[in-house]
Amino acid sequence: MFRPEEIFDELLKRAGKDGADEVLLGNTERDKAVIHKKLCGCGFSQLFLEVPLAGRAGFDLHIVQDAKNIRKQAPYDLALYDGYGELFSWYAGEPSCGDGLDVVYDLREGLAAPPMAYLKMSDDTPDFTGFFREIGDAESASRYTQKVKQLPDGWVPWYTGLHTGRPRKPLRIGCALHSRAKSRYTKDMRFLGQDLRRLGFPAPLSAVTCGRLGELFAFPYPVDVQLDVMEDGSLGSMLGISLCTGNIGARRMASSLNDGSMREVMELLKRWDIADNRWEKLAASLFQVSALLCSGDGDRRRFVLSGNIGFIKVRFQEGEPAHDAKAYINLKAMSESYED
């Protein structure tokens, strides 16, 4: 009905309204031409615009495909997503392999590094060996398995990928914290520091960092912990902590940014000097619109476009109380059958 490039343009236009394009997203006209080439020949289930909350404006792009969509669109051109066609074709042939794939382009760095692919996991057991083989490093499967066996109680891995274009090729693992784990750390953040050290984090968490993590964990959002596993099995010096906010709708999110807990998060990050006033434009990127479309043969479908904030990520680096902060603007286009 619509080409992926056309849907992307409409989503980006709505996410950039009221000045958000300049303040949050940067030079979208330059990036749009690049992105169109990436989207040609393949749709998407959803997108994430990874936006820094301070520093140079712009975004990195996550192109997310769920398992159903991947299988429906097979077979794939080998050149898809700059060489990930074989990965998508492999995934399409797997009967049970998690929730899909996510390809990430570092647009803010001018695509200096190759895109990264993430495997999104679910309750079934993905074929980790096949995934890492298809992205060019089969040996990373054992690195992943060994680190997951060491995870503390209440840490649930839900995505993984490999930064093939970065020094030491860090293996990334994202873990959702069960509520009991979050509650334990909120009471005493030193427990998190101890668990990180057992996992191989290179330095103890400072008192300042523990205090700031405690402030983040006190907000009423699920928490995701992001780890980078080096080739020797140790952890990298960067710790990512995300507040998972996508479970509330755009209208409630707008209210929260106005005078609720999300506004408190942003004001906290501003006090830490890792956010500036651009967060005030995040509300402009929130939307949900729908239209009833009718095909020539009388088939009617409801088409829905939406924008919301999926995550707020804060990174802590060894020796720093806080490194930076990003918002992940989640864009979706859904089509569903419609009956009176």
C-alpha atoms as a PDB file:
ATOM      1  CA  MET A   1       0.000   0.000   0.000  1.00  0.00           C
ATOM      2  CA  PHE A   2       2.833   2.378   0.935  1.00  0.00           C
ATOM      3  CA  ARG A   3       6.538   1.980   0.321  1.00  0.00           C
ATOM      4  CA  PRO A   4       8.749   1.745   3.445  1.00  0.00           C
ATOM      5  CA  GLU A   5      10.478   5.001   2.473  1.00  0.00           C
ATOM      6  CA  GLU A   6       7.152   6.831   2.320  1.00  0.00           C
ATOM      7  CA  ILE A   7       6.098   5.533   5.729  1.00  0.00           C
ATOM      8  CA  PHE A   8       9.456   6.505   7.202  1.00  0.00           C
ATOM      9  CA  ASP A   9       9.183  10.046   5.813  1.00  0.00           C
ATOM     10  CA  GLU A  10       5.731  10.492   7.352  1.00  0.00           C
ATOM     11  CA  LEU A  11       6.851   9.127  10.730  1.00  0.00           C
ATOM     12  CA  LEU A  12       9.935  11.348  10.741  1.00  0.00           C
ATOM     13  CA  LYS A  13       7.888  14.421   9.788  1.00  0.00           C
ATOM     14  CA  ARG A  14       5.511  13.841  12.683  1.00  0.00           C
ATOM     15  CA  ALA A  15       8.341  13.100  15.157  1.00  0.00           C
ATOM     16  CA  GLY A  16      10.054  16.351  14.130  1.00  0.00           C
ATOM     17  CA  LYS A  17       7.115  18.736  14.389  1.00  0.00           C
ATOM     18  CA  ASP A  18       7.160  22.013  16.347  1.00  0.00           C
ATOM     19  CA  GLY A  19      10.922  22.415  16.019  1.00  0.00           C
ATOM     20  CA  ALA A  20      11.867  18.960  17.297  1.00  0.00           C
ATOM     21  CA  ASP A  21      13.508  18.170  13.954  1.00  0.00           C
ATOM     22  CA  GLU A  22      16.173  20.846  14.428  1.00  0.00           C
ATOM     23  CA  VAL A  23      16.624  20.599  18.207  1.00  0.00           C
ATOM     24  CA  LEU A  24      16.459  16.796  18.602  1.00  0.00           C
ATOM     25  CA  LEU A  25      16.974  15.143  15.233  1.00  0.00           C
ATOM     26  CA  GLY A  26      19.499  17.396  13.494  1.00  0.00           C
ATOM     27  CA  ASN A  27      19.881  17.450   9.704  1.00  0.00           C
ATOM     28  CA  THR A  28      17.126  15.017   8.757  1.00  0.00           C
ATOM     29  CA  GLU A  29      17.225  15.904   5.054  1.00  0.00           C
ATOM     30  CA  ARG A  30      20.802  14.631   4.814  1.00  0.00           C
ATOM     31  CA  ASP A  31      19.981  11.428   6.698  1.00  0.00           C
ATOM     32  CA  LYS A  32      16.728  10.708   4.843  1.00  0.00           C
ATOM     33  CA  ALA A  33      18.477  10.034   1.540  1.00  0.00           C
ATOM     34  CA  VAL A  34      20.811   7.556   3.253  1.00  0.00           C
ATOM     35  CA  ILE A  35      17.986   5.851   5.139  1.00  0.00           C
ATOM     36  CA  HIS A  36      15.846   5.447   2.016  1.00  0.00           C
ATOM     37  CA  LYS A  37      18.560   3.265   0.511  1.00  0.00           C
ATOM     38  CA  LYS A  38      18.639   1.108   3.652  1.00  0.00           C
ATOM     39  CA  LEU A  39      14.864   0.596   3.645  1.00  0.00           C
ATOM     40  CA  CYS A  40      14.455  -0.208  -0.058  1.00  0.00           C
ATOM     41  CA  GLY A  41      13.118  -3.695  -0.652  1.00  0.00           C
ATOM     42  CA  CYS A  42      12.288  -4.415   2.985  1.00  0.00           C
ATOM     43  CA  GLY A  43       9.722  -3.007   5.388  1.00  0.00           C
ATOM     44  CA  PHE A  44      10.072  -2.645   9.133  1.00  0.00           C
ATOM     45  CA  SER A  45       8.100  -3.563  12.218  1.00  0.00           C
ATOM     46  CA  GLN A  46       9.194  -0.481  14.131  1.00  0.00           C
ATOM     47  CA  LEU A  47      11.985   2.081  14.311  1.00  0.00           C
ATOM     48  CA  PHE A  48      13.917   3.693  17.119  1.00  0.00           C
ATOM     49  CA  LEU A  49      15.603   7.086  16.802  1.00  0.00           C
ATOM     50  CA  GLU A  50      18.441   7.117  19.338  1.00  0.00           C
ATOM     51  CA  VAL A  51      18.716  10.794  20.322  1.00  0.00           C
ATOM     52  CA  PRO A  52      21.385  12.321  22.623  1.00  0.00           C
ATOM     53  CA  LEU A  53      20.021  14.646  25.295  1.00  0.00           C
ATOM     54  CA  ALA A  54      23.071  16.942  25.142  1.00  0.00           C
ATOM     55  CA  GLY A  55      25.812  17.748  22.641  1.00  0.00           C
ATOM     56  CA  ARG A  56      25.432  17.662  18.856  1.00  0.00           C
ATOM     57  CA  ALA A  57      21.862  17.021  17.687  1.00  0.00           C
ATOM     58  CA  GLY A  58      21.142  13.998  15.514  1.00  0.00           C
ATOM     59  CA  PHE A  59      20.092  10.386  15.791  1.00  0.00           C
ATOM     60  CA  ASP A  60      21.220   6.829  15.235  1.00  0.00           C
ATOM     61  CA  LEU A  61      18.662   4.549  13.614  1.00  0.00           C
ATOM     62  CA  HIS A  62      17.382   1.156  14.789  1.00  0.00           C
ATOM     63  CA  ILE A  63      15.469  -0.796  12.120  1.00  0.00           C
ATOM     64  CA  VAL A  64      13.522  -3.507  13.952  1.00  0.00           C
ATOM     65  CA  GLN A  65      11.945  -6.513  12.277  1.00  0.00           C
ATOM     66  CA  ASP A  66       9.826  -8.938  14.281  1.00  0.00           C
ATOM     67  CA  ALA A  67       9.994 -12.676  13.611  1.00  0.00           C
ATOM     68  CA  LYS A  68       6.696 -12.827  11.717  1.00  0.00           C
ATOM     69  CA  ASN A  69       7.655  -9.997   9.400  1.00  0.00           C
ATOM     70  CA  ILE A  70      11.082 -11.509   8.686  1.00  0.00           C
ATOM     71  CA  ARG A  71       9.600 -14.849   7.649  1.00  0.00           C
ATOM     72  CA  LYS A  72       6.877 -13.204   5.565  1.00  0.00           C
ATOM     73  CA  GLN A  73       9.347 -11.203   3.458  1.00  0.00           C
ATOM     74  CA  ALA A  74      11.916 -13.948   2.761  1.00  0.00           C
ATOM     75  CA  PRO A  75      13.991 -14.566   0.683  1.00  0.00           C
ATOM     76  CA  TYR A  76      16.380 -11.621   0.992  1.00  0.00           C
ATOM     77  CA  ASP A  77      18.945  -9.971  -1.215  1.00  0.00           C
ATOM     78  CA  LEU A  78      22.426 -10.634   0.205  1.00  0.00           C
ATOM     79  CA  ALA A  79      23.188  -6.897   0.195  1.00  0.00           C
ATOM     80  CA  LEU A  80      20.260  -6.094   2.514  1.00  0.00           C
ATOM     81  CA  TYR A  81      21.264  -3.734   5.340  1.00  0.00           C
ATOM     82  CA  ASP A  82      24.865  -3.558   4.091  1.00  0.00           C
ATOM     83  CA  GLY A  83      25.479  -7.281   4.024  1.00  0.00           C
ATOM     84  CA  TYR A  84      22.981  -8.715   6.520  1.00  0.00           C
ATOM     85  CA  GLY A  85      20.853 -10.454   3.891  1.00  0.00           C
ATOM     86  CA  GLU A  86      22.258 -13.870   4.816  1.00  0.00           C
ATOM     87  CA  LEU A  87      21.443 -13.239   8.490  1.00  0.00           C
ATOM     88  CA  PHE A  88      17.819 -12.416   7.668  1.00  0.00           C
ATOM     89  CA  SER A  89      17.511 -15.388   5.314  1.00  0.00           C
ATOM     90  CA  TRP A  90      18.924 -17.672   8.010  1.00  0.00           C
ATOM     91  CA  TYR A  91      16.527 -16.271  10.597  1.00  0.00           C
ATOM     92  CA  ALA A  92      13.542 -16.733   8.275  1.00  0.00           C
ATOM     93  CA  GLY A  93      14.333 -20.465   8.113  1.00  0.00           C
ATOM     94  CA  GLU A  94      14.539 -20.935  11.882  1.00  0.00           C
ATOM     95  CA  PRO A  95      11.289 -22.295  13.376  1.00  0.00           C
ATOM     96  CA  SER A  96      11.900 -20.662  16.767  1.00  0.00           C
ATOM     97  CA  CYS A  97      14.547 -18.018  17.334  1.00  0.00           C
ATOM     98  CA  GLY A  98      13.377 -15.208  19.573  1.00  0.00           C
ATOM     99  CA  ASP A  99      11.466 -12.030  18.752  1.00  0.00           C
ATOM    100  CA  GLY A 100      13.303 -10.766  15.701  1.00  0.00           C
ATOM    101  CA  LEU A 101      16.314  -8.711  14.626  1.00  0.00           C
ATOM    102  CA  ASP A 102      17.404  -5.099  15.064  1.00  0.00           C
ATOM    103  CA  VAL A 103      19.936  -3.431  12.728  1.00  0.00           C
ATOM    104  CA  VAL A 104      21.552  -0.234  14.056  1.00  0.00           C
ATOM    105  CA  TYR A 105      23.147   2.500  11.937  1.00  0.00           C
ATOM    106  CA  ASP A 106      25.448   5.066  13.609  1.00  0.00           C
ATOM    107  CA  LEU A 107      24.253   8.011  11.522  1.00  0.00           C
ATOM    108  CA  ARG A 108      25.698  10.601  13.905  1.00  0.00           C
ATOM    109  CA  GLU A 109      29.177   9.217  13.249  1.00  0.00           C
ATOM    110  CA  GLY A 110      28.646   9.365   9.500  1.00  0.00           C
ATOM    111  CA  LEU A 111      28.373   5.583   9.127  1.00  0.00           C
ATOM    112  CA  ALA A 112      32.096   5.273   9.891  1.00  0.00           C
ATOM    113  CA  ALA A 113      31.465   1.839  11.438  1.00  0.00           C
ATOM    114  CA  PRO A 114      29.443  -0.986   9.861  1.00  0.00           C
ATOM    115  CA  PRO A 115      25.892  -1.447  11.180  1.00  0.00           C
ATOM    116  CA  MET A 116      25.356  -3.694  14.190  1.00  0.00           C
ATOM    117  CA  ALA A 117      22.755  -6.463  14.359  1.00  0.00           C
ATOM    118  CA  TYR A 118      20.963  -7.490  17.545  1.00  0.00           C
ATOM    119  CA  LEU A 119      19.107 -10.715  18.167  1.00  0.00           C
ATOM    120  CA  LYS A 120      15.989 -10.086  20.237  1.00  0.00           C
ATOM    121  CA  MET A 121      15.155 -12.951  22.551  1.00  0.00           C
ATOM    122  CA  SER A 122      11.986 -14.387  24.063  1.00  0.00           C
ATOM    123  CA  ASP A 123      11.050 -17.370  26.205  1.00  0.00           C
ATOM    124  CA  ASP A 124      12.140 -19.848  23.557  1.00  0.00           C
ATOM    125  CA  THR A 125      15.833 -20.655  23.229  1.00  0.00           C
ATOM    126  CA  PRO A 126      17.442 -18.942  20.219  1.00  0.00           C
ATOM    127  CA  ASP A 127      20.156 -20.589  18.158  1.00  0.00           C
ATOM    128  CA  PHE A 128      22.989 -18.399  19.412  1.00  0.00           C
ATOM    129  CA  THR A 129      25.618 -20.310  17.449  1.00  0.00           C
ATOM    130  CA  GLY A 130      23.781 -19.697  14.185  1.00  0.00           C
ATOM    131  CA  PHE A 131      23.258 -16.017  14.934  1.00  0.00           C
ATOM    132  CA  PHE A 132      26.908 -15.320  15.711  1.00  0.00           C
ATOM    133  CA  ARG A 133      28.027 -17.407  12.754  1.00  0.00           C
ATOM    134  CA  GLU A 134      25.871 -15.352  10.400  1.00  0.00           C
ATOM    135  CA  ILE A 135      27.246 -12.041  11.716  1.00  0.00           C
ATOM    136  CA  GLY A 136      30.791 -13.295  11.173  1.00  0.00           C
ATOM    137  CA  ASP A 137      32.049 -14.438  14.579  1.00  0.00           C
ATOM    138  CA  ALA A 138      30.900 -17.927  15.585  1.00  0.00           C
ATOM    139  CA  GLU A 139      33.316 -17.986  18.532  1.00  0.00           C
ATOM    140  CA  SER A 140      31.315 -15.243  20.275  1.00  0.00           C
ATOM    141  CA  ALA A 141      28.561 -17.767  20.989  1.00  0.00           C
ATOM    142  CA  SER A 142      30.691 -19.324  23.740  1.00  0.00           C
ATOM    143  CA  ARG A 143      31.547 -15.867  25.125  1.00  0.00           C
ATOM    144  CA  TYR A 144      27.829 -15.115  25.320  1.00  0.00           C
ATOM    145  CA  THR A 145      26.948 -18.439  26.949  1.00  0.00           C
ATOM    146  CA  GLN A 146      29.676 -18.168  29.569  1.00  0.00           C
ATOM    147  CA  LYS A 147      28.665 -14.660  30.609  1.00  0.00           C
ATOM    148  CA  VAL A 148      24.943 -15.464  30.760  1.00  0.00           C
ATOM    149  CA  LYS A 149      25.689 -18.363  33.126  1.00  0.00           C
ATOM    150  CA  GLN A 150      27.287 -15.832  35.492  1.00  0.00           C
ATOM    151  CA  LEU A 151      24.333 -13.433  35.570  1.00  0.00           C
ATOM    152  CA  PRO A 152      22.880 -12.706  39.007  1.00  0.00           C
ATOM    153  CA  ASP A 153      19.419 -13.871  40.010  1.00  0.00           C
ATOM    154  CA  GLY A 154      16.716 -11.740  38.442  1.00  0.00           C
ATOM    155  CA  TRP A 155      18.717 -10.704  35.347  1.00  0.00           C
ATOM    156  CA  VAL A 156      16.944 -11.821  32.150  1.00  0.00           C
ATOM    157  CA  PRO A 157      18.893 -11.418  28.867  1.00  0.00           C
ATOM    158  CA  TRP A 158      16.626 -10.182  26.078  1.00  0.00           C
ATOM    159  CA  TYR A 159      18.980  -8.974  23.325  1.00  0.00           C
ATOM    160  CA  THR A 160      22.563  -9.493  22.191  1.00  0.00           C
ATOM    161  CA  GLY A 161      24.837  -8.392  19.367  1.00  0.00           C
ATOM    162  CA  LEU A 162      28.456  -7.837  18.399  1.00  0.00           C
ATOM    163  CA  HIS A 163      30.216  -4.543  17.640  1.00  0.00           C
ATOM    164  CA  THR A 164      32.403  -5.898  14.851  1.00  0.00           C
ATOM    165  CA  GLY A 165      33.585  -2.409  13.881  1.00  0.00           C
ATOM    166  CA  ARG A 166      34.842  -1.370  17.332  1.00  0.00           C
ATOM    167  CA  PRO A 167      38.143  -2.158  19.074  1.00  0.00           C
ATOM    168  CA  ARG A 168      38.168  -5.532  20.872  1.00  0.00           C
ATOM    169  CA  LYS A 169      34.786  -6.352  19.242  1.00  0.00           C
ATOM    170  CA  PRO A 170      32.651  -5.969  22.386  1.00  0.00           C
ATOM    171  CA  LEU A 171      29.751  -8.380  22.742  1.00  0.00           C
ATOM    172  CA  ARG A 172      26.686  -6.535  23.991  1.00  0.00           C
ATOM    173  CA  ILE A 173      24.136  -8.157  26.273  1.00  0.00           C
ATOM    174  CA  GLY A 174      20.983  -6.384  27.432  1.00  0.00           C
ATOM    175  CA  CYS A 175      19.295  -7.703  30.565  1.00  0.00           C
ATOM    176  CA  ALA A 176      15.878  -6.845  31.932  1.00  0.00           C
ATOM    177  CA  LEU A 177      15.882  -6.719  35.726  1.00  0.00           C
ATOM    178  CA  HIS A 178      13.147  -8.662  37.481  1.00  0.00           C
ATOM    179  CA  SER A 179      11.259  -6.490  39.973  1.00  0.00           C
ATOM    180  CA  ARG A 180      12.846  -8.360  42.893  1.00  0.00           C
ATOM    181  CA  ALA A 181      16.334  -7.553  41.602  1.00  0.00           C
ATOM    182  CA  LYS A 182      15.457  -3.894  41.070  1.00  0.00           C
ATOM    183  CA  SER A 183      13.987  -3.718  44.579  1.00  0.00           C
ATOM    184  CA  ARG A 184      17.124  -5.265  46.108  1.00  0.00           C
ATOM    185  CA  TYR A 185      19.414  -2.778  44.373  1.00  0.00           C
ATOM    186  CA  THR A 186      17.166   0.178  45.173  1.00  0.00           C
ATOM    187  CA  LYS A 187      17.501  -0.593  48.879  1.00  0.00           C
ATOM    188  CA  ASP A 188      21.298  -0.704  48.690  1.00  0.00           C
ATOM    189  CA  MET A 189      23.080   0.064  45.423  1.00  0.00           C
ATOM    190  CA  ARG A 190      26.256  -1.536  46.752  1.00  0.00           C
ATOM    191  CA  PHE A 191      24.640  -4.887  45.921  1.00  0.00           C
ATOM    192  CA  LEU A 192      24.641  -3.900  42.246  1.00  0.00           C
ATOM    193  CA  GLY A 193      28.278  -2.898  42.507  1.00  0.00           C
ATOM    194  CA  GLN A 194      29.154  -6.273  44.011  1.00  0.00           C
ATOM    195  CA  ASP A 195      27.268  -8.162  41.298  1.00  0.00           C
ATOM    196  CA  LEU A 196      28.974  -6.129  38.570  1.00  0.00           C
ATOM    197  CA  ARG A 197      32.396  -6.835  40.021  1.00  0.00           C
ATOM    198  CA  ARG A 198      31.638 -10.584  40.064  1.00  0.00           C
ATOM    199  CA  LEU A 199      30.691 -10.290  36.392  1.00  0.00           C
ATOM    200  CA  GLY A 200      34.044  -8.657  35.578  1.00  0.00           C
ATOM    201  CA  PHE A 201      33.348  -4.905  35.742  1.00  0.00           C
ATOM    202  CA  PRO A 202      36.791  -3.236  35.867  1.00  0.00           C
ATOM    203  CA  ALA A 203      36.297  -1.003  38.911  1.00  0.00           C
ATOM    204  CA  PRO A 204      34.066  -0.628  41.979  1.00  0.00           C
ATOM    205  CA  LEU A 205      31.169   1.802  41.700  1.00  0.00           C
ATOM    206  CA  SER A 206      31.992   5.057  43.446  1.00  0.00           C
ATOM    207  CA  ALA A 207      29.773   6.451  46.188  1.00  0.00           C
ATOM    208  CA  VAL A 208      28.641   9.209  43.806  1.00  0.00           C
ATOM    209  CA  THR A 209      27.756   6.700  41.074  1.00  0.00           C
ATOM    210  CA  CYS A 210      25.878   4.495  43.567  1.00  0.00           C
ATOM    211  CA  GLY A 211      23.920   7.526  44.700  1.00  0.00           C
ATOM    212  CA  ARG A 212      22.979   8.469  41.170  1.00  0.00           C
ATOM    213  CA  LEU A 213      22.007   4.914  40.256  1.00  0.00           C
ATOM    214  CA  GLY A 214      19.812   4.866  43.345  1.00  0.00           C
ATOM    215  CA  GLU A 215      18.018   7.990  42.122  1.00  0.00           C
ATOM    216  CA  LEU A 216      17.373   6.384  38.727  1.00  0.00           C
ATOM    217  CA  PHE A 217      16.162   3.091  40.171  1.00  0.00           C
ATOM    218  CA  ALA A 218      13.681   4.957  42.390  1.00  0.00           C
ATOM    219  CA  PHE A 219      11.565   5.939  39.364  1.00  0.00           C
ATOM    220  CA  PRO A 220       8.521   3.705  38.629  1.00  0.00           C
ATOM    221  CA  TYR A 221       9.903   2.192  35.408  1.00  0.00           C
ATOM    222  CA  PRO A 222      11.341  -1.250  34.629  1.00  0.00           C
ATOM    223  CA  VAL A 223      15.146  -1.210  34.356  1.00  0.00           C
ATOM    224  CA  ASP A 224      17.414  -2.662  31.682  1.00  0.00           C
ATOM    225  CA  VAL A 225      21.159  -3.187  32.263  1.00  0.00           C
ATOM    226  CA  GLN A 226      23.457  -3.125  29.220  1.00  0.00           C
ATOM    227  CA  LEU A 227      26.860  -4.808  29.388  1.00  0.00           C
ATOM    228  CA  ASP A 228      29.767  -5.009  26.941  1.00  0.00           C
ATOM    229  CA  VAL A 229      31.754  -8.253  27.180  1.00  0.00           C
ATOM    230  CA  MET A 230      35.322  -8.041  25.904  1.00  0.00           C
ATOM    231  CA  GLU A 231      37.172 -10.819  24.076  1.00  0.00           C
ATOM    232  CA  ASP A 232      38.867 -11.941  27.325  1.00  0.00           C
ATOM    233  CA  GLY A 233      35.500 -12.250  29.101  1.00  0.00           C
ATOM    234  CA  SER A 234      35.876  -9.103  31.204  1.00  0.00           C
ATOM    235  CA  LEU A 235      33.345  -6.289  31.054  1.00  0.00           C
ATOM    236  CA  GLY A 236      33.980  -3.006  29.303  1.00  0.00           C
ATOM    237  CA  SER A 237      34.214   0.187  31.331  1.00  0.00           C
ATOM    238  CA  MET A 238      30.819   1.491  30.160  1.00  0.00           C
ATOM    239  CA  LEU A 239      27.628   0.540  32.011  1.00  0.00           C
ATOM    240  CA  GLY A 240      24.275   1.320  30.396  1.00  0.00           C
ATOM    241  CA  ILE A 241      21.138   1.704  32.511  1.00  0.00           C
ATOM    242  CA  SER A 242      17.814   2.183  30.723  1.00  0.00           C
ATOM    243  CA  LEU A 243      14.438   3.157  32.100  1.00  0.00           C
ATOM    244  CA  CYS A 244      11.909   1.253  29.988  1.00  0.00           C
ATOM    245  CA  THR A 245       9.073   3.671  29.343  1.00  0.00           C
ATOM    246  CA  GLY A 246       7.384   2.278  26.234  1.00  0.00           C
ATOM    247  CA  ASN A 247       4.640   0.472  28.139  1.00  0.00           C
ATOM    248  CA  ILE A 248       2.663   3.700  28.597  1.00  0.00           C
ATOM    249  CA  GLY A 249       0.878   5.369  25.712  1.00  0.00           C
ATOM    250  CA  ALA A 250       1.805   8.618  24.009  1.00  0.00           C
ATOM    251  CA  ARG A 251      -0.893  10.615  25.811  1.00  0.00           C
ATOM    252  CA  ARG A 252       0.227   9.463  29.271  1.00  0.00           C
ATOM    253  CA  MET A 253       3.846  10.039  28.295  1.00  0.00           C
ATOM    254  CA  ALA A 254       3.061  13.611  27.283  1.00  0.00           C
ATOM    255  CA  SER A 255       1.397  14.179  30.646  1.00  0.00           C
ATOM    256  CA  SER A 256       4.374  12.645  32.463  1.00  0.00           C
ATOM    257  CA  LEU A 257       6.779  14.933  30.593  1.00  0.00           C
ATOM    258  CA  ASN A 258       4.636  17.911  31.505  1.00  0.00           C
ATOM    259  CA  ASP A 259       4.356  17.435  35.255  1.00  0.00           C
ATOM    260  CA  GLY A 260       5.019  13.795  36.157  1.00  0.00           C
ATOM    261  CA  SER A 261       7.822  11.327  36.743  1.00  0.00           C
ATOM    262  CA  MET A 262       9.345  11.674  33.260  1.00  0.00           C
ATOM    263  CA  ARG A 263       9.786  15.385  33.811  1.00  0.00           C
ATOM    264  CA  GLU A 264      11.541  14.534  37.083  1.00  0.00           C
ATOM    265  CA  VAL A 265      13.864  12.160  35.192  1.00  0.00           C
ATOM    266  CA  MET A 266      14.776  14.892  32.709  1.00  0.00           C
ATOM    267  CA  GLU A 267      15.360  17.483  35.400  1.00  0.00           C
ATOM    268  CA  LEU A 268      17.583  15.002  37.218  1.00  0.00           C
ATOM    269  CA  LEU A 269      19.684  14.365  34.098  1.00  0.00           C
ATOM    270  CA  LYS A 270      19.968  18.110  33.562  1.00  0.00           C
ATOM    271  CA  ARG A 271      21.306  18.562  37.103  1.00  0.00           C
ATOM    272  CA  TRP A 272      23.902  15.909  36.281  1.00  0.00           C
ATOM    273  CA  ASP A 273      24.949  17.955  33.211  1.00  0.00           C
ATOM    274  CA  ILE A 274      24.160  15.156  30.767  1.00  0.00           C
ATOM    275  CA  ALA A 275      20.968  16.753  29.391  1.00  0.00           C
ATOM    276  CA  ASP A 276      20.096  20.265  28.274  1.00  0.00           C
ATOM    277  CA  ASN A 277      16.787  21.935  27.479  1.00  0.00           C
ATOM    278  CA  ARG A 278      16.188  19.886  24.320  1.00  0.00           C
ATOM    279  CA  TRP A 279      14.262  17.323  26.350  1.00  0.00           C
ATOM    280  CA  GLU A 280      11.386  19.827  26.350  1.00  0.00           C
ATOM    281  CA  LYS A 281      10.928  19.018  22.641  1.00  0.00           C
ATOM    282  CA  LEU A 282      10.418  15.303  23.310  1.00  0.00           C
ATOM    283  CA  ALA A 283       6.694  15.904  23.808  1.00  0.00           C
ATOM    284  CA  ALA A 284       6.493  17.091  20.187  1.00  0.00           C
ATOM    285  CA  SER A 285       7.648  13.652  19.005  1.00  0.00           C
ATOM    286  CA  LEU A 286       4.674  11.904  20.649  1.00  0.00           C
ATOM    287  CA  PHE A 287       1.689  11.134  18.443  1.00  0.00           C
ATOM    288  CA  GLN A 288      -0.899   8.579  17.393  1.00  0.00           C
ATOM    289  CA  VAL A 289      -3.010   9.035  14.295  1.00  0.00           C
ATOM    290  CA  SER A 290      -5.159   6.613  12.333  1.00  0.00           C
ATOM    291  CA  ALA A 291      -6.989   6.497   9.029  1.00  0.00           C
ATOM    292  CA  LEU A 292      -9.380   4.059   7.388  1.00  0.00           C
ATOM    293  CA  LEU A 293      -8.127   3.006   3.953  1.00  0.00           C
ATOM    294  CA  CYS A 294     -10.113   1.119   1.333  1.00  0.00           C
ATOM    295  CA  SER A 295      -8.537  -0.869  -1.507  1.00  0.00           C
ATOM    296  CA  GLY A 296      -9.978  -1.214  -4.993  1.00  0.00           C
ATOM    297  CA  ASP A 297     -11.474  -4.624  -4.152  1.00  0.00           C
ATOM    298  CA  GLY A 298     -13.290  -3.232  -1.109  1.00  0.00           C
ATOM    299  CA  ASP A 299     -10.874  -4.476   1.569  1.00  0.00           C
ATOM    300  CA  ARG A 300     -10.826  -1.964   4.425  1.00  0.00           C
ATOM    301  CA  ARG A 301      -7.884  -1.569   6.758  1.00  0.00           C
ATOM    302  CA  ARG A 302      -7.143   0.727   9.673  1.00  0.00           C
ATOM    303  CA  PHE A 303      -3.693   2.310   9.342  1.00  0.00           C
ATOM    304  CA  VAL A 304      -2.082   3.621  12.566  1.00  0.00           C
ATOM    305  CA  LEU A 305       1.057   5.746  12.950  1.00  0.00           C
ATOM    306  CA  SER A 306       2.510   6.339  16.406  1.00  0.00           C
ATOM    307  CA  GLY A 307       5.485   7.876  18.147  1.00  0.00           C
ATOM    308  CA  ASN A 308       6.470   7.381  21.775  1.00  0.00           C
ATOM    309  CA  ILE A 309       9.521   7.258  24.043  1.00  0.00           C
ATOM    310  CA  GLY A 310      10.638   3.653  24.400  1.00  0.00           C
ATOM    311  CA  PHE A 311      13.674   4.077  26.651  1.00  0.00           C
ATOM    312  CA  ILE A 312      15.798   6.634  28.449  1.00  0.00           C
ATOM    313  CA  LYS A 313      19.371   5.359  28.684  1.00  0.00           C
ATOM    314  CA  VAL A 314      22.079   6.718  30.972  1.00  0.00           C
ATOM    315  CA  ARG A 315      25.644   5.529  30.589  1.00  0.00           C
ATOM    316  CA  PHE A 316      28.117   5.401  33.458  1.00  0.00           C
ATOM    317  CA  GLN A 317      31.810   5.020  32.753  1.00  0.00           C
ATOM    318  CA  GLU A 318      34.623   3.993  35.058  1.00  0.00           C
ATOM    319  CA  GLY A 319      35.866   7.124  36.836  1.00  0.00           C
ATOM    320  CA  GLU A 320      32.843   9.279  35.924  1.00  0.00           C
ATOM    321  CA  PRO A 321      29.656   9.884  37.936  1.00  0.00           C
ATOM    322  CA  ALA A 322      27.665   9.861  34.656  1.00  0.00           C
ATOM    323  CA  HIS A 323      28.774   9.843  31.010  1.00  0.00           C
ATOM    324  CA  ASP A 324      25.785  10.696  28.799  1.00  0.00           C
ATOM    325  CA  ALA A 325      22.047  10.196  28.298  1.00  0.00           C
ATOM    326  CA  LYS A 326      19.876   9.314  25.317  1.00  0.00           C
ATOM    327  CA  ALA A 327      16.175   9.083  24.518  1.00  0.00           C
ATOM    328  CA  TYR A 328      14.898   6.343  22.196  1.00  0.00           C
ATOM    329  CA  ILE A 329      11.955   7.612  20.167  1.00  0.00           C
ATOM    330  CA  ASN A 330       9.879   4.616  19.067  1.00  0.00           C
ATOM    331  CA  LEU A 331       8.074   4.979  15.718  1.00  0.00           C
ATOM    332  CA  LYS A 332       5.519   2.456  14.470  1.00  0.00           C
ATOM    333  CA  ALA A 333       3.240   1.991  11.471  1.00  0.00           C
ATOM    334  CA  MET A 334       0.562  -0.679  11.841  1.00  0.00           C
ATOM    335  CA  SER A 335      -2.117  -1.925   9.495  1.00  0.00           C
ATOM    336  CA  GLU A 336      -5.034  -4.055  10.648  1.00  0.00           C
ATOM    337  CA  SER A 337      -8.261  -5.290   9.099  1.00  0.00           C
ATOM    338  CA  TYR A 338     -11.328  -3.206   9.868  1.00  0.00           C
ATOM    339  CA  GLU A 339     -14.950  -4.261  10.232  1.00  0.00           C
ATOM    340  CA  ASP A 340     -17.977  -2.211  11.315  1.00  0.00           C
END
